[in-house]
Amino acid sequence: MKIDEKLVAKLENLSMVEIEDKSKMAKDLENIVSFVEMLNELDTENIEAGSILKNSTPLREDKIKNSGIINDVLSHAPKTKDGFFIVPKIIE
C-alpha cells in the first residue's frame, strides 16, 4: 500500500492531530503496513487456535453492585448534570 503525504494530511485532518513531519510519518506508516502485510503470507491453515494458559480463567457470576465510584469521579469534574459530564460542544 502506498502511503504519501497527501494521505497523511487526510489522516491528520480526520484524527484532529497535528503531524509536523508528514514525510517521515508517511515512511513510518508504510513500514508498518508492509510488516503487517508480511503476516498475511504465513500459512496458518493447519494451526489450531489455542491458549498458552494451562488453566482456563475462572468464571464468576456478574452481580450489579453500587460501589459509589460514579459520585467520586463526577466530584472531580468541572460540570455535571444528572450523573453525566457536561463538556463543550466540539463539532461545528
PDB file of N, CA and C in Angstrom:
ATOM      1  N   MET A   1       0.852  -1.175   0.000  1.00  0.00           N
ATOM      2  CA  MET A   1       0.000   0.000   0.000  1.00  0.00           C
ATOM      3  C   MET A   1       0.895   1.234   0.000  1.00  0.00           C
ATOM      4  N   LYS A   2       0.607   2.145  -0.881  1.00  0.00           N
ATOM      5  CA  LYS A   2       1.386   3.384  -0.990  1.00  0.00           C
ATOM      6  C   LYS A   2       0.790   4.439  -0.058  1.00  0.00           C
ATOM      7  N   ILE A   3       1.606   4.910   0.853  1.00  0.00           N
ATOM      8  CA  ILE A   3       1.185   5.972   1.768  1.00  0.00           C
ATOM      9  C   ILE A   3       2.044   7.187   1.469  1.00  0.00           C
ATOM     10  N   ASP A   4       1.382   8.281   1.098  1.00  0.00           N
ATOM     11  CA  ASP A   4       2.115   9.500   0.776  1.00  0.00           C
ATOM     12  C   ASP A   4       1.690  10.627   1.711  1.00  0.00           C
ATOM     13  N   GLU A   5       2.282  11.791   1.512  1.00  0.00           N
ATOM     14  CA  GLU A   5       1.995  12.928   2.386  1.00  0.00           C
ATOM     15  C   GLU A   5       0.537  13.386   2.266  1.00  0.00           C
ATOM     16  N   LYS A   6      -0.064  13.189   1.098  1.00  0.00           N
ATOM     17  CA  LYS A   6      -1.466  13.565   0.914  1.00  0.00           C
ATOM     18  C   LYS A   6      -2.371  12.719   1.808  1.00  0.00           C
ATOM     19  N   LEU A   7      -2.107  11.410   1.870  1.00  0.00           N
ATOM     20  CA  LEU A   7      -2.888  10.530   2.740  1.00  0.00           C
ATOM     21  C   LEU A   7      -2.648  10.884   4.208  1.00  0.00           C
ATOM     22  N   VAL A   8      -1.407  11.185   4.556  1.00  0.00           N
ATOM     23  CA  VAL A   8      -1.094  11.568   5.945  1.00  0.00           C
ATOM     24  C   VAL A   8      -1.835  12.857   6.310  1.00  0.00           C
ATOM     25  N   ALA A   9      -1.903  13.808   5.377  1.00  0.00           N
ATOM     26  CA  ALA A   9      -2.631  15.050   5.643  1.00  0.00           C
ATOM     27  C   ALA A   9      -4.114  14.762   5.871  1.00  0.00           C
ATOM     28  N   LYS A  10      -4.665  13.831   5.107  1.00  0.00           N
ATOM     29  CA  LYS A  10      -6.081  13.464   5.287  1.00  0.00           C
ATOM     30  C   LYS A  10      -6.287  12.809   6.656  1.00  0.00           C
ATOM     31  N   LEU A  11      -5.370  11.902   7.020  1.00  0.00           N
ATOM     32  CA  LEU A  11      -5.455  11.257   8.332  1.00  0.00           C
ATOM     33  C   LEU A  11      -5.297  12.274   9.459  1.00  0.00           C
ATOM     34  N   GLU A  12      -4.433  13.251   9.241  1.00  0.00           N
ATOM     35  CA  GLU A  12      -4.225  14.320  10.223  1.00  0.00           C
ATOM     36  C   GLU A  12      -5.531  15.078  10.441  1.00  0.00           C
ATOM     37  N   ASN A  13      -6.209  15.385   9.353  1.00  0.00           N
ATOM     38  CA  ASN A  13      -7.470  16.117   9.443  1.00  0.00           C
ATOM     39  C   ASN A  13      -8.545  15.274  10.128  1.00  0.00           C
ATOM     40  N   LEU A  14      -8.657  14.005   9.751  1.00  0.00           N
ATOM     41  CA  LEU A  14      -9.678  13.135  10.340  1.00  0.00           C
ATOM     42  C   LEU A  14      -9.450  12.894  11.829  1.00  0.00           C
ATOM     43  N   SER A  15      -8.178  12.756  12.211  1.00  0.00           N
ATOM     44  CA  SER A  15      -7.865  12.448  13.609  1.00  0.00           C
ATOM     45  C   SER A  15      -7.758  13.693  14.483  1.00  0.00           C
ATOM     46  N   MET A  16      -7.736  14.862  13.831  1.00  0.00           N
ATOM     47  CA  MET A  16      -7.591  16.122  14.554  1.00  0.00           C
ATOM     48  C   MET A  16      -6.307  16.147  15.388  1.00  0.00           C
ATOM     49  N   VAL A  17      -5.244  15.558  14.805  1.00  0.00           N
ATOM     50  CA  VAL A  17      -3.931  15.529  15.437  1.00  0.00           C
ATOM     51  C   VAL A  17      -2.945  16.179  14.473  1.00  0.00           C
ATOM     52  N   GLU A  18      -2.161  17.117  14.970  1.00  0.00           N
ATOM     53  CA  GLU A  18      -1.189  17.793  14.115  1.00  0.00           C
ATOM     54  C   GLU A  18       0.047  16.920  13.932  1.00  0.00           C
ATOM     55  N   ILE A  19       0.411  16.697  12.674  1.00  0.00           N
ATOM     56  CA  ILE A  19       1.606  15.924  12.342  1.00  0.00           C
ATOM     57  C   ILE A  19       2.594  16.881  11.701  1.00  0.00           C
ATOM     58  N   GLU A  20       3.712  17.106  12.366  1.00  0.00           N
ATOM     59  CA  GLU A  20       4.671  18.091  11.875  1.00  0.00           C
ATOM     60  C   GLU A  20       5.453  17.588  10.664  1.00  0.00           C
ATOM     61  N   ASP A  21       6.000  16.385  10.731  1.00  0.00           N
ATOM     62  CA  ASP A  21       6.812  15.852   9.637  1.00  0.00           C
ATOM     63  C   ASP A  21       6.009  14.787   8.891  1.00  0.00           C
ATOM     64  N   LYS A  22       5.216  15.234   7.925  1.00  0.00           N
ATOM     65  CA  LYS A  22       4.336  14.321   7.189  1.00  0.00           C
ATOM     66  C   LYS A  22       5.125  13.315   6.363  1.00  0.00           C
ATOM     67  N   SER A  23       6.275  13.709   5.862  1.00  0.00           N
ATOM     68  CA  SER A  23       7.099  12.814   5.058  1.00  0.00           C
ATOM     69  C   SER A  23       7.603  11.642   5.901  1.00  0.00           C
ATOM     70  N   LYS A  24       8.099  11.931   7.094  1.00  0.00           N
ATOM     71  CA  LYS A  24       8.586  10.874   7.988  1.00  0.00           C
ATOM     72  C   LYS A  24       7.427   9.986   8.430  1.00  0.00           C
ATOM     73  N   MET A  25       6.283  10.591   8.731  1.00  0.00           N
ATOM     74  CA  MET A  25       5.121   9.815   9.156  1.00  0.00           C
ATOM     75  C   MET A  25       4.670   8.885   8.033  1.00  0.00           C
ATOM     76  N   ALA A  26       4.693   9.366   6.789  1.00  0.00           N
ATOM     77  CA  ALA A  26       4.301   8.532   5.648  1.00  0.00           C
ATOM     78  C   ALA A  26       5.232   7.325   5.538  1.00  0.00           C
ATOM     79  N   LYS A  27       6.544   7.538   5.698  1.00  0.00           N
ATOM     80  CA  LYS A  27       7.507   6.429   5.636  1.00  0.00           C
ATOM     81  C   LYS A  27       7.269   5.441   6.769  1.00  0.00           C
ATOM     82  N   ASP A  28       7.030   5.955   7.984  1.00  0.00           N
ATOM     83  CA  ASP A  28       6.798   5.085   9.134  1.00  0.00           C
ATOM     84  C   ASP A  28       5.530   4.247   8.945  1.00  0.00           C
ATOM     85  N   LEU A  29       4.454   4.879   8.500  1.00  0.00           N
ATOM     86  CA  LEU A  29       3.200   4.156   8.286  1.00  0.00           C
ATOM     87  C   LEU A  29       3.345   3.114   7.186  1.00  0.00           C
ATOM     88  N   GLU A  30       4.085   3.449   6.139  1.00  0.00           N
ATOM     89  CA  GLU A  30       4.288   2.492   5.052  1.00  0.00           C
ATOM     90  C   GLU A  30       5.083   1.282   5.546  1.00  0.00           C
ATOM     91  N   ASN A  31       6.072   1.498   6.413  1.00  0.00           N
ATOM     92  CA  ASN A  31       6.826   0.379   7.004  1.00  0.00           C
ATOM     93  C   ASN A  31       5.934  -0.501   7.863  1.00  0.00           C
ATOM     94  N   ILE A  32       5.059   0.115   8.634  1.00  0.00           N
ATOM     95  CA  ILE A  32       4.153  -0.643   9.500  1.00  0.00           C
ATOM     96  C   ILE A  32       3.208  -1.489   8.658  1.00  0.00           C
ATOM     97  N   VAL A  33       2.619  -0.891   7.631  1.00  0.00           N
ATOM     98  CA  VAL A  33       1.682  -1.615   6.776  1.00  0.00           C
ATOM     99  C   VAL A  33       2.404  -2.751   6.051  1.00  0.00           C
ATOM    100  N   SER A  34       3.629  -2.524   5.602  1.00  0.00           N
ATOM    101  CA  SER A  34       4.406  -3.579   4.934  1.00  0.00           C
ATOM    102  C   SER A  34       4.649  -4.750   5.878  1.00  0.00           C
ATOM    103  N   PHE A  35       4.957  -4.450   7.124  1.00  0.00           N
ATOM    104  CA  PHE A  35       5.182  -5.510   8.111  1.00  0.00           C
ATOM    105  C   PHE A  35       3.909  -6.319   8.330  1.00  0.00           C
ATOM    106  N   VAL A  36       2.779  -5.641   8.476  1.00  0.00           N
ATOM    107  CA  VAL A  36       1.511  -6.337   8.708  1.00  0.00           C
ATOM    108  C   VAL A  36       1.143  -7.177   7.489  1.00  0.00           C
ATOM    109  N   GLU A  37       1.408  -6.674   6.286  1.00  0.00           N
ATOM    110  CA  GLU A  37       1.113  -7.443   5.081  1.00  0.00           C
ATOM    111  C   GLU A  37       1.966  -8.706   5.005  1.00  0.00           C
ATOM    112  N   MET A  38       3.170  -8.687   5.575  1.00  0.00           N
ATOM    113  CA  MET A  38       4.003  -9.896   5.619  1.00  0.00           C
ATOM    114  C   MET A  38       3.325 -10.987   6.433  1.00  0.00           C
ATOM    115  N   LEU A  39       2.576 -10.603   7.456  1.00  0.00           N
ATOM    116  CA  LEU A  39       1.886 -11.596   8.287  1.00  0.00           C
ATOM    117  C   LEU A  39       0.838 -12.360   7.486  1.00  0.00           C
ATOM    118  N   ASN A  40       0.283 -11.739   6.433  1.00  0.00           N
ATOM    119  CA  ASN A  40      -0.697 -12.418   5.599  1.00  0.00           C
ATOM    120  C   ASN A  40      -0.082 -13.578   4.825  1.00  0.00           C
ATOM    121  N   GLU A  41       1.228 -13.600   4.676  1.00  0.00           N
ATOM    122  CA  GLU A  41       1.899 -14.664   3.940  1.00  0.00           C
ATOM    123  C   GLU A  41       2.081 -15.927   4.772  1.00  0.00           C
ATOM    124  N   LEU A  42       1.880 -15.839   6.073  1.00  0.00           N
ATOM    125  CA  LEU A  42       2.046 -17.000   6.940  1.00  0.00           C
ATOM    126  C   LEU A  42       0.950 -18.018   6.673  1.00  0.00           C
ATOM    127  N   ASP A  43       1.332 -19.286   6.602  1.00  0.00           N
ATOM    128  CA  ASP A  43       0.374 -20.360   6.398  1.00  0.00           C
ATOM    129  C   ASP A  43      -0.108 -20.835   7.767  1.00  0.00           C
ATOM    130  N   THR A  44      -1.308 -20.447   8.118  1.00  0.00           N
ATOM    131  CA  THR A  44      -1.884 -20.823   9.416  1.00  0.00           C
ATOM    132  C   THR A  44      -3.024 -21.821   9.247  1.00  0.00           C
ATOM    133  N   GLU A  45      -3.100 -22.435   8.075  1.00  0.00           N
ATOM    134  CA  GLU A  45      -4.206 -23.344   7.758  1.00  0.00           C
ATOM    135  C   GLU A  45      -4.281 -24.523   8.721  1.00  0.00           C
ATOM    136  N   ASN A  46      -3.148 -25.124   9.052  1.00  0.00           N
ATOM    137  CA  ASN A  46      -3.141 -26.326   9.892  1.00  0.00           C
ATOM    138  C   ASN A  46      -2.760 -26.035  11.340  1.00  0.00           C
ATOM    139  N   ILE A  47      -2.846 -24.781  11.733  1.00  0.00           N
ATOM    140  CA  ILE A  47      -2.516 -24.417  13.107  1.00  0.00           C
ATOM    141  C   ILE A  47      -3.806 -24.248  13.890  1.00  0.00           C
ATOM    142  N   GLU A  48      -3.886 -24.987  14.972  1.00  0.00           N
ATOM    143  CA  GLU A  48      -5.091 -24.952  15.791  1.00  0.00           C
ATOM    144  C   GLU A  48      -5.022 -23.781  16.765  1.00  0.00           C
ATOM    145  N   ALA A  49      -6.112 -23.035  16.865  1.00  0.00           N
ATOM    146  CA  ALA A  49      -6.163 -21.914  17.804  1.00  0.00           C
ATOM    147  C   ALA A  49      -6.149 -22.470  19.218  1.00  0.00           C
ATOM    148  N   GLY A  50      -5.448 -21.800  20.083  1.00  0.00           N
ATOM    149  CA  GLY A  50      -5.370 -22.284  21.448  1.00  0.00           C
ATOM    150  C   GLY A  50      -4.901 -21.200  22.387  1.00  0.00           C
ATOM    151  N   SER A  51      -4.607 -21.594  23.586  1.00  0.00           N
ATOM    152  CA  SER A  51      -4.171 -20.672  24.612  1.00  0.00           C
ATOM    153  C   SER A  51      -2.883 -21.190  25.232  1.00  0.00           C
ATOM    154  N   ILE A  52      -2.041 -20.276  25.662  1.00  0.00           N
ATOM    155  CA  ILE A  52      -0.809 -20.676  26.339  1.00  0.00           C
ATOM    156  C   ILE A  52      -1.058 -20.955  27.824  1.00  0.00           C
ATOM    157  N   LEU A  53      -2.251 -20.615  28.291  1.00  0.00           N
ATOM    158  CA  LEU A  53      -2.580 -20.835  29.694  1.00  0.00           C
ATOM    159  C   LEU A  53      -2.986 -22.288  29.915  1.00  0.00           C
ATOM    160  N   LYS A  54      -2.472 -22.891  30.980  1.00  0.00           N
ATOM    161  CA  LYS A  54      -2.817 -24.278  31.277  1.00  0.00           C
ATOM    162  C   LYS A  54      -4.234 -24.387  31.821  1.00  0.00           C
ATOM    163  N   ASN A  55      -4.619 -23.452  32.634  1.00  0.00           N
ATOM    164  CA  ASN A  55      -5.962 -23.470  33.223  1.00  0.00           C
ATOM    165  C   ASN A  55      -6.774 -22.338  32.619  1.00  0.00           C
ATOM    166  N   SER A  56      -8.026 -22.591  32.431  1.00  0.00           N
ATOM    167  CA  SER A  56      -8.866 -21.527  31.913  1.00  0.00           C
ATOM    168  C   SER A  56      -9.136 -20.500  33.007  1.00  0.00           C
ATOM    169  N   THR A  57      -9.537 -19.336  32.603  1.00  0.00           N
ATOM    170  CA  THR A  57      -9.840 -18.279  33.546  1.00  0.00           C
ATOM    171  C   THR A  57     -11.107 -18.650  34.314  1.00  0.00           C
ATOM    172  N   PRO A  58     -11.045 -18.602  35.636  1.00  0.00           N
ATOM    173  CA  PRO A  58     -12.252 -18.952  36.392  1.00  0.00           C
ATOM    174  C   PRO A  58     -13.343 -17.919  36.151  1.00  0.00           C
ATOM    175  N   LEU A  59     -14.549 -18.400  35.970  1.00  0.00           N
ATOM    176  CA  LEU A  59     -15.672 -17.506  35.733  1.00  0.00           C
ATOM    177  C   LEU A  59     -16.352 -17.188  37.048  1.00  0.00           C
ATOM    178  N   ARG A  60     -16.930 -16.031  37.097  1.00  0.00           N
ATOM    179  CA  ARG A  60     -17.695 -15.646  38.273  1.00  0.00           C
ATOM    180  C   ARG A  60     -19.035 -15.101  37.815  1.00  0.00           C
ATOM    181  N   GLU A  61     -19.977 -15.114  38.692  1.00  0.00           N
ATOM    182  CA  GLU A  61     -21.288 -14.589  38.372  1.00  0.00           C
ATOM    183  C   GLU A  61     -21.228 -13.063  38.385  1.00  0.00           C
ATOM    184  N   ASP A  62     -21.778 -12.450  37.358  1.00  0.00           N
ATOM    185  CA  ASP A  62     -21.826 -10.992  37.306  1.00  0.00           C
ATOM    186  C   ASP A  62     -22.943 -10.495  38.210  1.00  0.00           C
ATOM    187  N   LYS A  63     -22.572  -9.684  39.161  1.00  0.00           N
ATOM    188  CA  LYS A  63     -23.558  -9.120  40.078  1.00  0.00           C
ATOM    189  C   LYS A  63     -23.438  -7.610  40.030  1.00  0.00           C
ATOM    190  N   ILE A  64     -24.544  -6.936  39.909  1.00  0.00           N
ATOM    191  CA  ILE A  64     -24.559  -5.477  39.913  1.00  0.00           C
ATOM    192  C   ILE A  64     -24.504  -5.015  41.364  1.00  0.00           C
ATOM    193  N   LYS A  65     -23.565  -4.113  41.631  1.00  0.00           N
ATOM    194  CA  LYS A  65     -23.491  -3.542  42.974  1.00  0.00           C
ATOM    195  C   LYS A  65     -23.110  -2.079  42.855  1.00  0.00           C
ATOM    196  N   ASN A  66     -23.582  -1.289  43.751  1.00  0.00           N
ATOM    197  CA  ASN A  66     -23.305   0.136  43.747  1.00  0.00           C
ATOM    198  C   ASN A  66     -22.037   0.379  44.547  1.00  0.00           C
ATOM    199  N   SER A  67     -20.959   0.731  43.835  1.00  0.00           N
ATOM    200  CA  SER A  67     -19.687   0.939  44.519  1.00  0.00           C
ATOM    201  C   SER A  67     -19.489   2.397  44.919  1.00  0.00           C
ATOM    202  N   GLY A  68     -20.314   3.304  44.381  1.00  0.00           N
ATOM    203  CA  GLY A  68     -20.174   4.713  44.706  1.00  0.00           C
ATOM    204  C   GLY A  68     -19.085   5.411  43.922  1.00  0.00           C
ATOM    205  N   ILE A  69     -18.430   4.710  43.019  1.00  0.00           N
ATOM    206  CA  ILE A  69     -17.322   5.296  42.273  1.00  0.00           C
ATOM    207  C   ILE A  69     -17.801   6.412  41.346  1.00  0.00           C
ATOM    208  N   ILE A  70     -19.024   6.313  40.867  1.00  0.00           N
ATOM    209  CA  ILE A  70     -19.548   7.331  39.952  1.00  0.00           C
ATOM    210  C   ILE A  70     -19.547   8.697  40.629  1.00  0.00           C
ATOM    211  N   ASN A  71     -20.007   8.750  41.842  1.00  0.00           N
ATOM    212  CA  ASN A  71     -20.041  10.022  42.561  1.00  0.00           C
ATOM    213  C   ASN A  71     -18.630  10.551  42.830  1.00  0.00           C
ATOM    214  N   ASP A  72     -17.698   9.655  43.127  1.00  0.00           N
ATOM    215  CA  ASP A  72     -16.308  10.081  43.343  1.00  0.00           C
ATOM    216  C   ASP A  72     -15.716  10.672  42.071  1.00  0.00           C
ATOM    217  N   VAL A  73     -15.940  10.015  40.940  1.00  0.00           N
ATOM    218  CA  VAL A  73     -15.396  10.502  39.670  1.00  0.00           C
ATOM    219  C   VAL A  73     -16.042  11.828  39.289  1.00  0.00           C
ATOM    220  N   LEU A  74     -17.359  11.902  39.381  1.00  0.00           N
ATOM    221  CA  LEU A  74     -18.060  13.127  38.999  1.00  0.00           C
ATOM    222  C   LEU A  74     -17.729  14.300  39.912  1.00  0.00           C
ATOM    223  N   SER A  75     -17.304  14.019  41.127  1.00  0.00           N
ATOM    224  CA  SER A  75     -16.976  15.110  42.057  1.00  0.00           C
ATOM    225  C   SER A  75     -15.750  15.896  41.589  1.00  0.00           C
ATOM    226  N   HIS A  76     -14.938  15.310  40.720  1.00  0.00           N
ATOM    227  CA  HIS A  76     -13.741  15.981  40.211  1.00  0.00           C
ATOM    228  C   HIS A  76     -13.993  16.719  38.892  1.00  0.00           C
ATOM    229  N   ALA A  77     -15.172  16.560  38.327  1.00  0.00           N
ATOM    230  CA  ALA A  77     -15.472  17.188  37.035  1.00  0.00           C
ATOM    231  C   ALA A  77     -15.900  18.636  37.244  1.00  0.00           C
ATOM    232  N   PRO A  78     -15.538  19.525  36.310  1.00  0.00           N
ATOM    233  CA  PRO A  78     -15.945  20.916  36.448  1.00  0.00           C
ATOM    234  C   PRO A  78     -17.455  21.112  36.355  1.00  0.00           C
ATOM    235  N   LYS A  79     -18.113  20.339  35.449  1.00  0.00           N
ATOM    236  CA  LYS A  79     -19.561  20.464  35.291  1.00  0.00           C
ATOM    237  C   LYS A  79     -20.175  19.084  35.112  1.00  0.00           C
ATOM    238  N   THR A  80     -21.281  18.847  35.833  1.00  0.00           N
ATOM    239  CA  THR A  80     -22.025  17.596  35.693  1.00  0.00           C
ATOM    240  C   THR A  80     -23.516  17.896  35.772  1.00  0.00           C
ATOM    241  N   LYS A  81     -24.305  16.961  35.261  1.00  0.00           N
ATOM    242  CA  LYS A  81     -25.755  17.080  35.368  1.00  0.00           C
ATOM    243  C   LYS A  81     -26.347  15.683  35.270  1.00  0.00           C
ATOM    244  N   ASP A  82     -27.187  15.326  36.213  1.00  0.00           N
ATOM    245  CA  ASP A  82     -27.892  14.040  36.225  1.00  0.00           C
ATOM    246  C   ASP A  82     -26.950  12.847  36.087  1.00  0.00           C
ATOM    247  N   GLY A  83     -25.783  12.909  36.702  1.00  0.00           N
ATOM    248  CA  GLY A  83     -24.853  11.787  36.665  1.00  0.00           C
ATOM    249  C   GLY A  83     -23.989  11.710  35.423  1.00  0.00           C
ATOM    250  N   PHE A  84     -23.934  12.775  34.624  1.00  0.00           N
ATOM    251  CA  PHE A  84     -23.131  12.791  33.414  1.00  0.00           C
ATOM    252  C   PHE A  84     -22.196  13.995  33.420  1.00  0.00           C
ATOM    253  N   PHE A  85     -21.096  13.891  32.648  1.00  0.00           N
ATOM    254  CA  PHE A  85     -20.203  15.015  32.452  1.00  0.00           C
ATOM    255  C   PHE A  85     -20.846  15.988  31.479  1.00  0.00           C
ATOM    256  N   ILE A  86     -20.651  17.268  31.701  1.00  0.00           N
ATOM    257  CA  ILE A  86     -21.054  18.289  30.734  1.00  0.00           C
ATOM    258  C   ILE A  86     -19.768  18.818  30.109  1.00  0.00           C
ATOM    259  N   VAL A  87     -19.675  18.690  28.790  1.00  0.00           N
ATOM    260  CA  VAL A  87     -18.470  19.112  28.064  1.00  0.00           C
ATOM    261  C   VAL A  87     -18.862  20.103  26.973  1.00  0.00           C
ATOM    262  N   PRO A  88     -17.920  20.945  26.555  1.00  0.00           N
ATOM    263  CA  PRO A  88     -18.235  21.890  25.490  1.00  0.00           C
ATOM    264  C   PRO A  88     -18.437  21.177  24.158  1.00  0.00           C
ATOM    265  N   LYS A  89     -19.282  21.737  23.338  1.00  0.00           N
ATOM    266  CA  LYS A  89     -19.540  21.196  22.006  1.00  0.00           C
ATOM    267  C   LYS A  89     -18.271  21.370  21.164  1.00  0.00           C
ATOM    268  N   ILE A  90     -17.819  20.279  20.491  1.00  0.00           N
ATOM    269  CA  ILE A  90     -16.596  20.374  19.690  1.00  0.00           C
ATOM    270  C   ILE A  90     -16.854  20.177  18.203  1.00  0.00           C
ATOM    271  N   ILE A  91     -18.035  19.731  17.838  1.00  0.00           N
ATOM    272  CA  ILE A  91     -18.357  19.527  16.421  1.00  0.00           C
ATOM    273  C   ILE A  91     -19.047  20.773  15.901  1.00  0.00           C
ATOM    274  N   GLU A  92     -18.527  21.277  14.794  1.00  0.00           N
ATOM    275  CA  GLU A  92     -19.115  22.502  14.248  1.00  0.00           C
ATOM    276  C   GLU A  92     -20.116  22.167  13.170  1.00  0.00           C
TER     277      GLU A  92
END
